[in-house]
């Protein structure tokens, strides 16, 4: 994971846990300083991903897939989306993100 932003609906502890594994890891969470504010709409998050070249870590399978399709249809790009599988345990998720193992993620 090069640089990422964590969806606001995921645990507040996720970024902290990743930084505890490596203080140099570049991860923000929606609502953090330098990141979009809490409540930012999906299309605006996708625009942020494009400008910041960050990947989004999310479990949002309700609205984000449709917005991602519209974003691409408009000729826009983004830094990637890491889809977290439902019911993934916290430690499993942290280790998978840190080590780049897709066992808890879907593309």
PDB file of N, CA and C in Angstrom:
ATOM      1  N   UNK A   1       0.848  -1.168   0.000  1.00  0.00           N
ATOM      2  CA  UNK A   1       0.000   0.000   0.000  1.00  0.00           C
ATOM      3  C   UNK A   1       0.897   1.234   0.000  1.00  0.00           C
ATOM      4  N   UNK A   2       0.846   2.000  -1.067  1.00  0.00           N
ATOM      5  CA  UNK A   2       1.685   3.190  -1.194  1.00  0.00           C
ATOM      6  C   UNK A   2       1.153   4.345  -0.349  1.00  0.00           C
ATOM      7  N   UNK A   3      -0.010   4.842  -0.689  1.00  0.00           N
ATOM      8  CA  UNK A   3      -0.677   5.861   0.115  1.00  0.00           C
ATOM      9  C   UNK A   3      -2.173   5.620  -0.017  1.00  0.00           C
ATOM     10  N   UNK A   4      -2.858   5.782   1.093  1.00  0.00           N
ATOM     11  CA  UNK A   4      -4.279   5.433   1.101  1.00  0.00           C
ATOM     12  C   UNK A   4      -5.053   6.371   1.996  1.00  0.00           C
ATOM     13  N   UNK A   5      -6.357   6.324   1.803  1.00  0.00           N
ATOM     14  CA  UNK A   5      -7.283   7.019   2.688  1.00  0.00           C
ATOM     15  C   UNK A   5      -8.340   5.997   3.101  1.00  0.00           C
ATOM     16  N   UNK A   6      -8.679   6.012   4.370  1.00  0.00           N
ATOM     17  CA  UNK A   6      -9.606   5.039   4.934  1.00  0.00           C
ATOM     18  C   UNK A   6     -10.996   5.670   5.022  1.00  0.00           C
ATOM     19  N   UNK A   7     -11.984   4.924   4.583  1.00  0.00           N
ATOM     20  CA  UNK A   7     -13.369   5.370   4.643  1.00  0.00           C
ATOM     21  C   UNK A   7     -13.753   5.670   6.095  1.00  0.00           C
ATOM     22  N   UNK A   8     -14.557   6.688   6.274  1.00  0.00           N
ATOM     23  CA  UNK A   8     -14.960   7.095   7.617  1.00  0.00           C
ATOM     24  C   UNK A   8     -15.772   6.042   8.354  1.00  0.00           C
ATOM     25  N   UNK A   9     -16.356   5.086   7.635  1.00  0.00           N
ATOM     26  CA  UNK A   9     -17.171   4.058   8.287  1.00  0.00           C
ATOM     27  C   UNK A   9     -16.330   2.907   8.842  1.00  0.00           C
ATOM     28  N   UNK A  10     -15.066   2.859   8.462  1.00  0.00           N
ATOM     29  CA  UNK A  10     -14.173   1.844   9.014  1.00  0.00           C
ATOM     30  C   UNK A  10     -13.587   2.345  10.333  1.00  0.00           C
ATOM     31  N   UNK A  11     -13.005   1.460  11.080  1.00  0.00           N
ATOM     32  CA  UNK A  11     -12.515   1.761  12.419  1.00  0.00           C
ATOM     33  C   UNK A  11     -11.540   2.935  12.449  1.00  0.00           C
ATOM     34  N   UNK A  12     -11.723   3.778  13.456  1.00  0.00           N
ATOM     35  CA  UNK A  12     -10.783   4.878  13.705  1.00  0.00           C
ATOM     36  C   UNK A  12      -9.380   4.349  13.990  1.00  0.00           C
ATOM     37  N   UNK A  13      -9.307   3.145  14.493  1.00  0.00           N
ATOM     38  CA  UNK A  13      -8.019   2.562  14.898  1.00  0.00           C
ATOM     39  C   UNK A  13      -7.203   2.024  13.730  1.00  0.00           C
ATOM     40  N   UNK A  14      -7.804   1.899  12.552  1.00  0.00           N
ATOM     41  CA  UNK A  14      -7.122   1.252  11.433  1.00  0.00           C
ATOM     42  C   UNK A  14      -5.855   1.997  11.020  1.00  0.00           C
ATOM     43  N   UNK A  15      -5.953   3.284  10.802  1.00  0.00           N
ATOM     44  CA  UNK A  15      -4.772   4.067  10.429  1.00  0.00           C
ATOM     45  C   UNK A  15      -3.704   4.030  11.504  1.00  0.00           C
ATOM     46  N   UNK A  16      -4.133   4.148  12.747  1.00  0.00           N
ATOM     47  CA  UNK A  16      -3.195   4.112  13.870  1.00  0.00           C
ATOM     48  C   UNK A  16      -2.464   2.773  13.924  1.00  0.00           C
ATOM     49  N   UNK A  17      -3.196   1.690  13.721  1.00  0.00           N
ATOM     50  CA  UNK A  17      -2.579   0.360  13.753  1.00  0.00           C
ATOM     51  C   UNK A  17      -1.549   0.216  12.640  1.00  0.00           C
ATOM     52  N   UNK A  18      -1.861   0.732  11.451  1.00  0.00           N
ATOM     53  CA  UNK A  18      -0.911   0.659  10.340  1.00  0.00           C
ATOM     54  C   UNK A  18       0.334   1.499  10.626  1.00  0.00           C
ATOM     55  N   UNK A  19       0.140   2.691  11.181  1.00  0.00           N
ATOM     56  CA  UNK A  19       1.290   3.551  11.507  1.00  0.00           C
ATOM     57  C   UNK A  19       2.119   2.957  12.648  1.00  0.00           C
ATOM     58  N   UNK A  20       1.486   2.191  13.543  1.00  0.00           N
ATOM     59  CA  UNK A  20       2.252   1.521  14.599  1.00  0.00           C
ATOM     60  C   UNK A  20       3.163   0.450  14.018  1.00  0.00           C
ATOM     61  N   UNK A  21       2.769  -0.131  12.894  1.00  0.00           N
ATOM     62  CA  UNK A  21       3.600  -1.147  12.243  1.00  0.00           C
ATOM     63  C   UNK A  21       4.763  -0.497  11.498  1.00  0.00           C
ATOM     64  N   UNK A  22       4.523   0.729  10.990  1.00  0.00           N
ATOM     65  CA  UNK A  22       5.560   1.464  10.266  1.00  0.00           C
ATOM     66  C   UNK A  22       5.193   2.942  10.335  1.00  0.00           C
ATOM     67  N   UNK A  23       5.966   3.710  11.063  1.00  0.00           N
ATOM     68  CA  UNK A  23       5.655   5.130  11.268  1.00  0.00           C
ATOM     69  C   UNK A  23       5.660   5.930   9.966  1.00  0.00           C
ATOM     70  N   UNK A  24       6.305   5.415   8.936  1.00  0.00           N
ATOM     71  CA  UNK A  24       6.394   6.135   7.662  1.00  0.00           C
ATOM     72  C   UNK A  24       5.236   5.839   6.715  1.00  0.00           C
ATOM     73  N   UNK A  25       4.323   4.974   7.120  1.00  0.00           N
ATOM     74  CA  UNK A  25       3.221   4.619   6.237  1.00  0.00           C
ATOM     75  C   UNK A  25       2.337   5.847   5.999  1.00  0.00           C
ATOM     76  N   UNK A  26       1.925   6.041   4.762  1.00  0.00           N
ATOM     77  CA  UNK A  26       1.163   7.221   4.349  1.00  0.00           C
ATOM     78  C   UNK A  26      -0.319   6.871   4.273  1.00  0.00           C
ATOM     79  N   UNK A  27      -1.000   7.042   5.387  1.00  0.00           N
ATOM     80  CA  UNK A  27      -2.421   6.702   5.440  1.00  0.00           C
ATOM     81  C   UNK A  27      -3.180   7.790   6.200  1.00  0.00           C
ATOM     82  N   UNK A  28      -4.282   8.203   5.627  1.00  0.00           N
ATOM     83  CA  UNK A  28      -5.190   9.164   6.246  1.00  0.00           C
ATOM     84  C   UNK A  28      -6.556   8.514   6.370  1.00  0.00           C
ATOM     85  N   UNK A  29      -7.427   9.168   7.088  1.00  0.00           N
ATOM     86  CA  UNK A  29      -8.820   8.739   7.194  1.00  0.00           C
ATOM     87  C   UNK A  29      -9.688   9.924   6.825  1.00  0.00           C
ATOM     88  N   UNK A  30     -10.807   9.668   6.176  1.00  0.00           N
ATOM     89  CA  UNK A  30     -11.747  10.739   5.888  1.00  0.00           C
ATOM     90  C   UNK A  30     -11.994  11.486   7.206  1.00  0.00           C
ATOM     91  N   UNK A  31     -11.869  12.801   7.172  1.00  0.00           N
ATOM     92  CA  UNK A  31     -12.041  13.604   8.376  1.00  0.00           C
ATOM     93  C   UNK A  31     -10.730  14.044   9.006  1.00  0.00           C
ATOM     94  N   UNK A  32      -9.616  13.407   8.640  1.00  0.00           N
ATOM     95  CA  UNK A  32      -8.308  13.818   9.148  1.00  0.00           C
ATOM     96  C   UNK A  32      -7.889  15.134   8.497  1.00  0.00           C
ATOM     97  N   UNK A  33      -6.998  15.884   9.154  1.00  0.00           N
ATOM     98  CA  UNK A  33      -6.438  17.066   8.493  1.00  0.00           C
ATOM     99  C   UNK A  33      -5.757  16.659   7.173  1.00  0.00           C
ATOM    100  N   UNK A  34      -6.023  17.399   6.122  1.00  0.00           N
ATOM    101  CA  UNK A  34      -5.460  17.085   4.815  1.00  0.00           C
ATOM    102  C   UNK A  34      -6.291  16.113   4.002  1.00  0.00           C
ATOM    103  N   UNK A  35      -7.385  15.633   4.585  1.00  0.00           N
ATOM    104  CA  UNK A  35      -8.279  14.685   3.905  1.00  0.00           C
ATOM    105  C   UNK A  35      -9.651  15.346   3.757  1.00  0.00           C
ATOM    106  N   UNK A  36     -10.501  14.791   2.900  1.00  0.00           N
ATOM    107  CA  UNK A  36     -11.862  15.327   2.815  1.00  0.00           C
ATOM    108  C   UNK A  36     -12.561  15.238   4.175  1.00  0.00           C
ATOM    109  N   UNK A  37     -13.462  16.174   4.457  1.00  0.00           N
ATOM    110  CA  UNK A  37     -14.153  16.150   5.746  1.00  0.00           C
ATOM    111  C   UNK A  37     -15.144  14.988   5.865  1.00  0.00           C
ATOM    112  N   UNK A  38     -15.495  14.666   7.096  1.00  0.00           N
ATOM    113  CA  UNK A  38     -16.524  13.658   7.336  1.00  0.00           C
ATOM    114  C   UNK A  38     -17.786  14.044   6.577  1.00  0.00           C
ATOM    115  N   UNK A  39     -18.461  13.064   6.021  1.00  0.00           N
ATOM    116  CA  UNK A  39     -19.697  13.314   5.288  1.00  0.00           C
ATOM    117  C   UNK A  39     -19.499  13.675   3.826  1.00  0.00           C
ATOM    118  N   UNK A  40     -18.250  13.661   3.345  1.00  0.00           N
ATOM    119  CA  UNK A  40     -17.988  13.964   1.938  1.00  0.00           C
ATOM    120  C   UNK A  40     -18.675  12.932   1.061  1.00  0.00           C
ATOM    121  N   UNK A  41     -19.317  13.391   0.014  1.00  0.00           N
ATOM    122  CA  UNK A  41     -20.027  12.497  -0.904  1.00  0.00           C
ATOM    123  C   UNK A  41     -19.047  11.674  -1.736  1.00  0.00           C
ATOM    124  N   UNK A  42     -19.488  10.477  -2.124  1.00  0.00           N
ATOM    125  CA  UNK A  42     -18.633   9.560  -2.885  1.00  0.00           C
ATOM    126  C   UNK A  42     -18.005  10.193  -4.128  1.00  0.00           C
ATOM    127  N   UNK A  43     -18.754  10.915  -4.986  1.00  0.00           N
ATOM    128  CA  UNK A  43     -18.116  11.502  -6.170  1.00  0.00           C
ATOM    129  C   UNK A  43     -16.977  12.462  -5.805  1.00  0.00           C
ATOM    130  N   UNK A  44     -17.128  13.189  -4.707  1.00  0.00           N
ATOM    131  CA  UNK A  44     -16.074  14.104  -4.275  1.00  0.00           C
ATOM    132  C   UNK A  44     -14.862  13.338  -3.723  1.00  0.00           C
ATOM    133  N   UNK A  45     -15.114  12.200  -3.085  1.00  0.00           N
ATOM    134  CA  UNK A  45     -14.008  11.355  -2.611  1.00  0.00           C
ATOM    135  C   UNK A  45     -13.228  10.822  -3.811  1.00  0.00           C
ATOM    136  N   UNK A  46     -13.930  10.393  -4.844  1.00  0.00           N
ATOM    137  CA  UNK A  46     -13.246   9.904  -6.048  1.00  0.00           C
ATOM    138  C   UNK A  46     -12.403  11.001  -6.695  1.00  0.00           C
ATOM    139  N   UNK A  47     -12.915  12.229  -6.728  1.00  0.00           N
ATOM    140  CA  UNK A  47     -12.123  13.348  -7.255  1.00  0.00           C
ATOM    141  C   UNK A  47     -10.885  13.577  -6.402  1.00  0.00           C
ATOM    142  N   UNK A  48     -11.039  13.467  -5.077  1.00  0.00           N
ATOM    143  CA  UNK A  48      -9.894  13.601  -4.177  1.00  0.00           C
ATOM    144  C   UNK A  48      -8.858  12.510  -4.455  1.00  0.00           C
ATOM    145  N   UNK A  49      -9.332  11.268  -4.634  1.00  0.00           N
ATOM    146  CA  UNK A  49      -8.408  10.165  -4.921  1.00  0.00           C
ATOM    147  C   UNK A  49      -7.597  10.451  -6.168  1.00  0.00           C
ATOM    148  N   UNK A  50      -8.262  11.032  -7.160  1.00  0.00           N
ATOM    149  CA  UNK A  50      -7.573  11.357  -8.408  1.00  0.00           C
ATOM    150  C   UNK A  50      -6.498  12.418  -8.168  1.00  0.00           C
ATOM    151  N   UNK A  51      -6.846  13.488  -7.485  1.00  0.00           N
ATOM    152  CA  UNK A  51      -5.882  14.575  -7.299  1.00  0.00           C
ATOM    153  C   UNK A  51      -4.762  14.196  -6.330  1.00  0.00           C
ATOM    154  N   UNK A  52      -5.082  13.409  -5.312  1.00  0.00           N
ATOM    155  CA  UNK A  52      -4.089  13.039  -4.301  1.00  0.00           C
ATOM    156  C   UNK A  52      -3.344  11.751  -4.641  1.00  0.00           C
ATOM    157  N   UNK A  53      -3.813  11.023  -5.653  1.00  0.00           N
ATOM    158  CA  UNK A  53      -3.247   9.719  -6.009  1.00  0.00           C
ATOM    159  C   UNK A  53      -3.147   8.797  -4.803  1.00  0.00           C
ATOM    160  N   UNK A  54      -4.272   8.681  -4.121  1.00  0.00           N
ATOM    161  CA  UNK A  54      -4.396   7.765  -2.992  1.00  0.00           C
ATOM    162  C   UNK A  54      -5.398   6.681  -3.347  1.00  0.00           C
ATOM    163  N   UNK A  55      -5.231   5.529  -2.727  1.00  0.00           N
ATOM    164  CA  UNK A  55      -6.222   4.461  -2.837  1.00  0.00           C
ATOM    165  C   UNK A  55      -7.209   4.621  -1.684  1.00  0.00           C
ATOM    166  N   UNK A  56      -8.448   4.238  -1.917  1.00  0.00           N
ATOM    167  CA  UNK A  56      -9.475   4.270  -0.886  1.00  0.00           C
ATOM    168  C   UNK A  56      -9.652   2.870  -0.316  1.00  0.00           C
ATOM    169  N   UNK A  57      -9.635   2.754   1.009  1.00  0.00           N
ATOM    170  CA  UNK A  57      -9.945   1.501   1.693  1.00  0.00           C
ATOM    171  C   UNK A  57     -11.375   1.641   2.193  1.00  0.00           C
ATOM    172  N   UNK A  58     -12.270   0.795   1.688  1.00  0.00           N
ATOM    173  CA  UNK A  58     -13.690   0.933   2.022  1.00  0.00           C
ATOM    174  C   UNK A  58     -14.399  -0.406   2.004  1.00  0.00           C
ATOM    175  N   UNK A  59     -15.519  -0.435   2.708  1.00  0.00           N
ATOM    176  CA  UNK A  59     -16.415  -1.591   2.613  1.00  0.00           C
ATOM    177  C   UNK A  59     -17.740  -1.166   1.973  1.00  0.00           C
ATOM    178  N   UNK A  60     -17.775   0.024   1.382  1.00  0.00           N
ATOM    179  CA  UNK A  60     -18.985   0.595   0.786  1.00  0.00           C
ATOM    180  C   UNK A  60     -19.280  -0.068  -0.559  1.00  0.00           C
ATOM    181  N   UNK A  61     -20.166  -1.028  -0.538  1.00  0.00           N
ATOM    182  CA  UNK A  61     -20.589  -1.686  -1.774  1.00  0.00           C
ATOM    183  C   UNK A  61     -21.988  -1.232  -2.192  1.00  0.00           C
ATOM    184  N   UNK A  62     -22.527  -0.257  -1.467  1.00  0.00           N
ATOM    185  CA  UNK A  62     -23.870   0.225  -1.767  1.00  0.00           C
ATOM    186  C   UNK A  62     -23.838   1.313  -2.829  1.00  0.00           C
ATOM    187  N   UNK A  63     -23.135   2.387  -2.563  1.00  0.00           N
ATOM    188  CA  UNK A  63     -23.138   3.520  -3.492  1.00  0.00           C
ATOM    189  C   UNK A  63     -21.841   3.696  -4.271  1.00  0.00           C
ATOM    190  N   UNK A  64     -20.715   3.308  -3.696  1.00  0.00           N
ATOM    191  CA  UNK A  64     -19.430   3.577  -4.345  1.00  0.00           C
ATOM    192  C   UNK A  64     -19.274   2.900  -5.708  1.00  0.00           C
ATOM    193  N   UNK A  65     -19.700   1.655  -5.902  1.00  0.00           N
ATOM    194  CA  UNK A  65     -19.515   1.043  -7.229  1.00  0.00           C
ATOM    195  C   UNK A  65     -20.170   1.850  -8.361  1.00  0.00           C
ATOM    196  N   UNK A  66     -21.364   2.344  -8.153  1.00  0.00           N
ATOM    197  CA  UNK A  66     -22.031   3.141  -9.179  1.00  0.00           C
ATOM    198  C   UNK A  66     -21.318   4.451  -9.437  1.00  0.00           C
ATOM    199  N   UNK A  67     -20.856   5.092  -8.372  1.00  0.00           N
ATOM    200  CA  UNK A  67     -20.120   6.350  -8.531  1.00  0.00           C
ATOM    201  C   UNK A  67     -18.784   6.113  -9.223  1.00  0.00           C
ATOM    202  N   UNK A  68     -18.150   4.976  -8.919  1.00  0.00           N
ATOM    203  CA  UNK A  68     -16.883   4.645  -9.580  1.00  0.00           C
ATOM    204  C   UNK A  68     -17.104   4.472 -11.077  1.00  0.00           C
ATOM    205  N   UNK A  69     -18.197   3.831 -11.466  1.00  0.00           N
ATOM    206  CA  UNK A  69     -18.521   3.643 -12.882  1.00  0.00           C
ATOM    207  C   UNK A  69     -18.743   4.988 -13.565  1.00  0.00           C
ATOM    208  N   UNK A  70     -19.493   5.884 -12.917  1.00  0.00           N
ATOM    209  CA  UNK A  70     -19.733   7.226 -13.475  1.00  0.00           C
ATOM    210  C   UNK A  70     -18.434   8.014 -13.584  1.00  0.00           C
ATOM    211  N   UNK A  71     -17.578   7.882 -12.598  1.00  0.00           N
ATOM    212  CA  UNK A  71     -16.285   8.567 -12.574  1.00  0.00           C
ATOM    213  C   UNK A  71     -15.447   8.130 -13.791  1.00  0.00           C
ATOM    214  N   UNK A  72     -15.396   6.831 -14.022  1.00  0.00           N
ATOM    215  CA  UNK A  72     -14.634   6.301 -15.164  1.00  0.00           C
ATOM    216  C   UNK A  72     -15.260   6.705 -16.483  1.00  0.00           C
ATOM    217  N   UNK A  73     -16.590   6.690 -16.560  1.00  0.00           N
ATOM    218  CA  UNK A  73     -17.285   7.067 -17.795  1.00  0.00           C
ATOM    219  C   UNK A  73     -17.015   8.517 -18.162  1.00  0.00           C
ATOM    220  N   UNK A  74     -16.728   9.352 -17.154  1.00  0.00           N
ATOM    221  CA  UNK A  74     -16.406  10.759 -17.394  1.00  0.00           C
ATOM    222  C   UNK A  74     -14.934  10.944 -17.777  1.00  0.00           C
ATOM    223  N   UNK A  75     -14.214   9.823 -17.921  1.00  0.00           N
ATOM    224  CA  UNK A  75     -12.808   9.893 -18.309  1.00  0.00           C
ATOM    225  C   UNK A  75     -11.873  10.216 -17.153  1.00  0.00           C
ATOM    226  N   UNK A  76     -12.371  10.072 -15.944  1.00  0.00           N
ATOM    227  CA  UNK A  76     -11.558  10.367 -14.761  1.00  0.00           C
ATOM    228  C   UNK A  76     -10.891   9.099 -14.249  1.00  0.00           C
ATOM    229  N   UNK A  77      -9.864   9.286 -13.455  1.00  0.00           N
ATOM    230  CA  UNK A  77      -9.110   8.180 -12.872  1.00  0.00           C
ATOM    231  C   UNK A  77      -9.049   8.381 -11.358  1.00  0.00           C
ATOM    232  N   UNK A  78      -8.503   7.416 -10.659  1.00  0.00           N
ATOM    233  CA  UNK A  78      -8.282   7.545  -9.218  1.00  0.00           C
ATOM    234  C   UNK A  78      -7.138   6.630  -8.825  1.00  0.00           C
ATOM    235  N   UNK A  79      -6.723   6.717  -7.578  1.00  0.00           N
ATOM    236  CA  UNK A  79      -5.586   5.939  -7.101  1.00  0.00           C
ATOM    237  C   UNK A  79      -5.897   4.503  -6.749  1.00  0.00           C
ATOM    238  N   UNK A  80      -7.138   4.081  -6.927  1.00  0.00           N
ATOM    239  CA  UNK A  80      -7.525   2.699  -6.662  1.00  0.00           C
ATOM    240  C   UNK A  80      -8.503   2.589  -5.504  1.00  0.00           C
ATOM    241  N   UNK A  81      -9.201   1.475  -5.476  1.00  0.00           N
ATOM    242  CA  UNK A  81     -10.135   1.198  -4.384  1.00  0.00           C
ATOM    243  C   UNK A  81      -9.835  -0.203  -3.858  1.00  0.00           C
ATOM    244  N   UNK A  82      -9.642  -0.287  -2.563  1.00  0.00           N
ATOM    245  CA  UNK A  82      -9.426  -1.564  -1.889  1.00  0.00           C
ATOM    246  C   UNK A  82     -10.729  -1.881  -1.168  1.00  0.00           C
ATOM    247  N   UNK A  83     -11.424  -2.894  -1.676  1.00  0.00           N
ATOM    248  CA  UNK A  83     -12.728  -3.276  -1.118  1.00  0.00           C
ATOM    249  C   UNK A  83     -12.498  -4.267   0.014  1.00  0.00           C
ATOM    250  N   UNK A  84     -12.942  -3.934   1.201  1.00  0.00           N
ATOM    251  CA  UNK A  84     -12.824  -4.814   2.370  1.00  0.00           C
ATOM    252  C   UNK A  84     -14.023  -5.754   2.376  1.00  0.00           C
ATOM    253  N   UNK A  85     -13.752  -7.032   2.481  1.00  0.00           N
ATOM    254  CA  UNK A  85     -14.832  -8.013   2.532  1.00  0.00           C
ATOM    255  C   UNK A  85     -15.588  -7.904   3.846  1.00  0.00           C
ATOM    256  N   UNK A  86     -16.892  -8.143   3.806  1.00  0.00           N
ATOM    257  CA  UNK A  86     -17.688  -8.087   5.035  1.00  0.00           C
ATOM    258  C   UNK A  86     -17.159  -9.064   6.089  1.00  0.00           C
ATOM    259  N   UNK A  87     -17.273  -8.651   7.327  1.00  0.00           N
ATOM    260  CA  UNK A  87     -16.920  -9.473   8.493  1.00  0.00           C
ATOM    261  C   UNK A  87     -15.439  -9.794   8.586  1.00  0.00           C
ATOM    262  N   UNK A  88     -14.595  -9.008   7.921  1.00  0.00           N
ATOM    263  CA  UNK A  88     -13.153  -9.204   8.051  1.00  0.00           C
ATOM    264  C   UNK A  88     -12.723  -8.720   9.426  1.00  0.00           C
ATOM    265  N   UNK A  89     -12.005  -9.552  10.139  1.00  0.00           N
ATOM    266  CA  UNK A  89     -11.521  -9.176  11.463  1.00  0.00           C
ATOM    267  C   UNK A  89     -10.500  -8.043  11.381  1.00  0.00           C
ATOM    268  N   UNK A  90     -10.427  -7.256  12.436  1.00  0.00           N
ATOM    269  CA  UNK A  90      -9.554  -6.090  12.464  1.00  0.00           C
ATOM    270  C   UNK A  90      -8.094  -6.463  12.239  1.00  0.00           C
ATOM    271  N   UNK A  91      -7.589  -7.428  12.981  1.00  0.00           N
ATOM    272  CA  UNK A  91      -6.172  -7.816  12.847  1.00  0.00           C
ATOM    273  C   UNK A  91      -5.879  -8.367  11.458  1.00  0.00           C
ATOM    274  N   UNK A  92      -6.804  -9.135  10.921  1.00  0.00           N
ATOM    275  CA  UNK A  92      -6.633  -9.681   9.569  1.00  0.00           C
ATOM    276  C   UNK A  92      -6.544  -8.540   8.555  1.00  0.00           C
ATOM    277  N   UNK A  93      -7.425  -7.550   8.702  1.00  0.00           N
ATOM    278  CA  UNK A  93      -7.430  -6.414   7.791  1.00  0.00           C
ATOM    279  C   UNK A  93      -6.132  -5.615   7.880  1.00  0.00           C
ATOM    280  N   UNK A  94      -5.700  -5.312   9.089  1.00  0.00           N
ATOM    281  CA  UNK A  94      -4.456  -4.549   9.272  1.00  0.00           C
ATOM    282  C   UNK A  94      -3.289  -5.278   8.625  1.00  0.00           C
ATOM    283  N   UNK A  95      -3.160  -6.569   8.899  1.00  0.00           N
ATOM    284  CA  UNK A  95      -2.049  -7.334   8.336  1.00  0.00           C
ATOM    285  C   UNK A  95      -2.142  -7.431   6.815  1.00  0.00           C
ATOM    286  N   UNK A  96      -3.344  -7.608   6.297  1.00  0.00           N
ATOM    287  CA  UNK A  96      -3.509  -7.700   4.843  1.00  0.00           C
ATOM    288  C   UNK A  96      -3.145  -6.384   4.163  1.00  0.00           C
ATOM    289  N   UNK A  97      -3.555  -5.274   4.732  1.00  0.00           N
ATOM    290  CA  UNK A  97      -3.205  -3.978   4.153  1.00  0.00           C
ATOM    291  C   UNK A  97      -1.704  -3.733   4.243  1.00  0.00           C
ATOM    292  N   UNK A  98      -1.131  -4.026   5.377  1.00  0.00           N
ATOM    293  CA  UNK A  98       0.296  -3.770   5.580  1.00  0.00           C
ATOM    294  C   UNK A  98       1.163  -4.638   4.678  1.00  0.00           C
ATOM    295  N   UNK A  99       0.785  -5.913   4.576  1.00  0.00           N
ATOM    296  CA  UNK A  99       1.615  -6.854   3.813  1.00  0.00           C
ATOM    297  C   UNK A  99       1.145  -7.023   2.370  1.00  0.00           C
ATOM    298  N   UNK A 100       0.059  -6.335   2.007  1.00  0.00           N
ATOM    299  CA  UNK A 100      -0.423  -6.415   0.630  1.00  0.00           C
ATOM    300  C   UNK A 100      -1.056  -7.750   0.275  1.00  0.00           C
ATOM    301  N   UNK A 101      -1.598  -8.429   1.261  1.00  0.00           N
ATOM    302  CA  UNK A 101      -2.252  -9.724   1.006  1.00  0.00           C
ATOM    303  C   UNK A 101      -3.744  -9.493   0.753  1.00  0.00           C
ATOM    304  N   UNK A 102      -4.243  -9.958  -0.358  1.00  0.00           N
ATOM    305  CA  UNK A 102      -5.648  -9.693  -0.696  1.00  0.00           C
ATOM    306  C   UNK A 102      -6.672 -10.617  -0.058  1.00  0.00           C
ATOM    307  N   UNK A 103      -6.307 -11.387   0.944  1.00  0.00           N
ATOM    308  CA  UNK A 103      -7.243 -12.357   1.516  1.00  0.00           C
ATOM    309  C   UNK A 103      -8.509 -11.765   2.091  1.00  0.00           C
ATOM    310  N   UNK A 104      -8.461 -10.526   2.543  1.00  0.00           N
ATOM    311  CA  UNK A 104      -9.662  -9.916   3.127  1.00  0.00           C
ATOM    312  C   UNK A 104     -10.254  -8.878   2.191  1.00  0.00           C
ATOM    313  N   UNK A 105      -9.709  -8.806   0.984  1.00  0.00           N
ATOM    314  CA  UNK A 105     -10.117  -7.745   0.074  1.00  0.00           C
ATOM    315  C   UNK A 105     -10.614  -8.323  -1.236  1.00  0.00           C
ATOM    316  N   UNK A 106     -11.400  -7.568  -1.899  1.00  0.00           N
ATOM    317  CA  UNK A 106     -11.873  -7.934  -3.226  1.00  0.00           C
ATOM    318  C   UNK A 106     -11.581  -6.787  -4.159  1.00  0.00           C
ATOM    319  N   UNK A 107     -11.288  -7.097  -5.394  1.00  0.00           N
ATOM    320  CA  UNK A 107     -10.985  -6.029  -6.344  1.00  0.00           C
ATOM    321  C   UNK A 107     -12.230  -5.617  -7.099  1.00  0.00           C
TER     322      UNK A 107
END
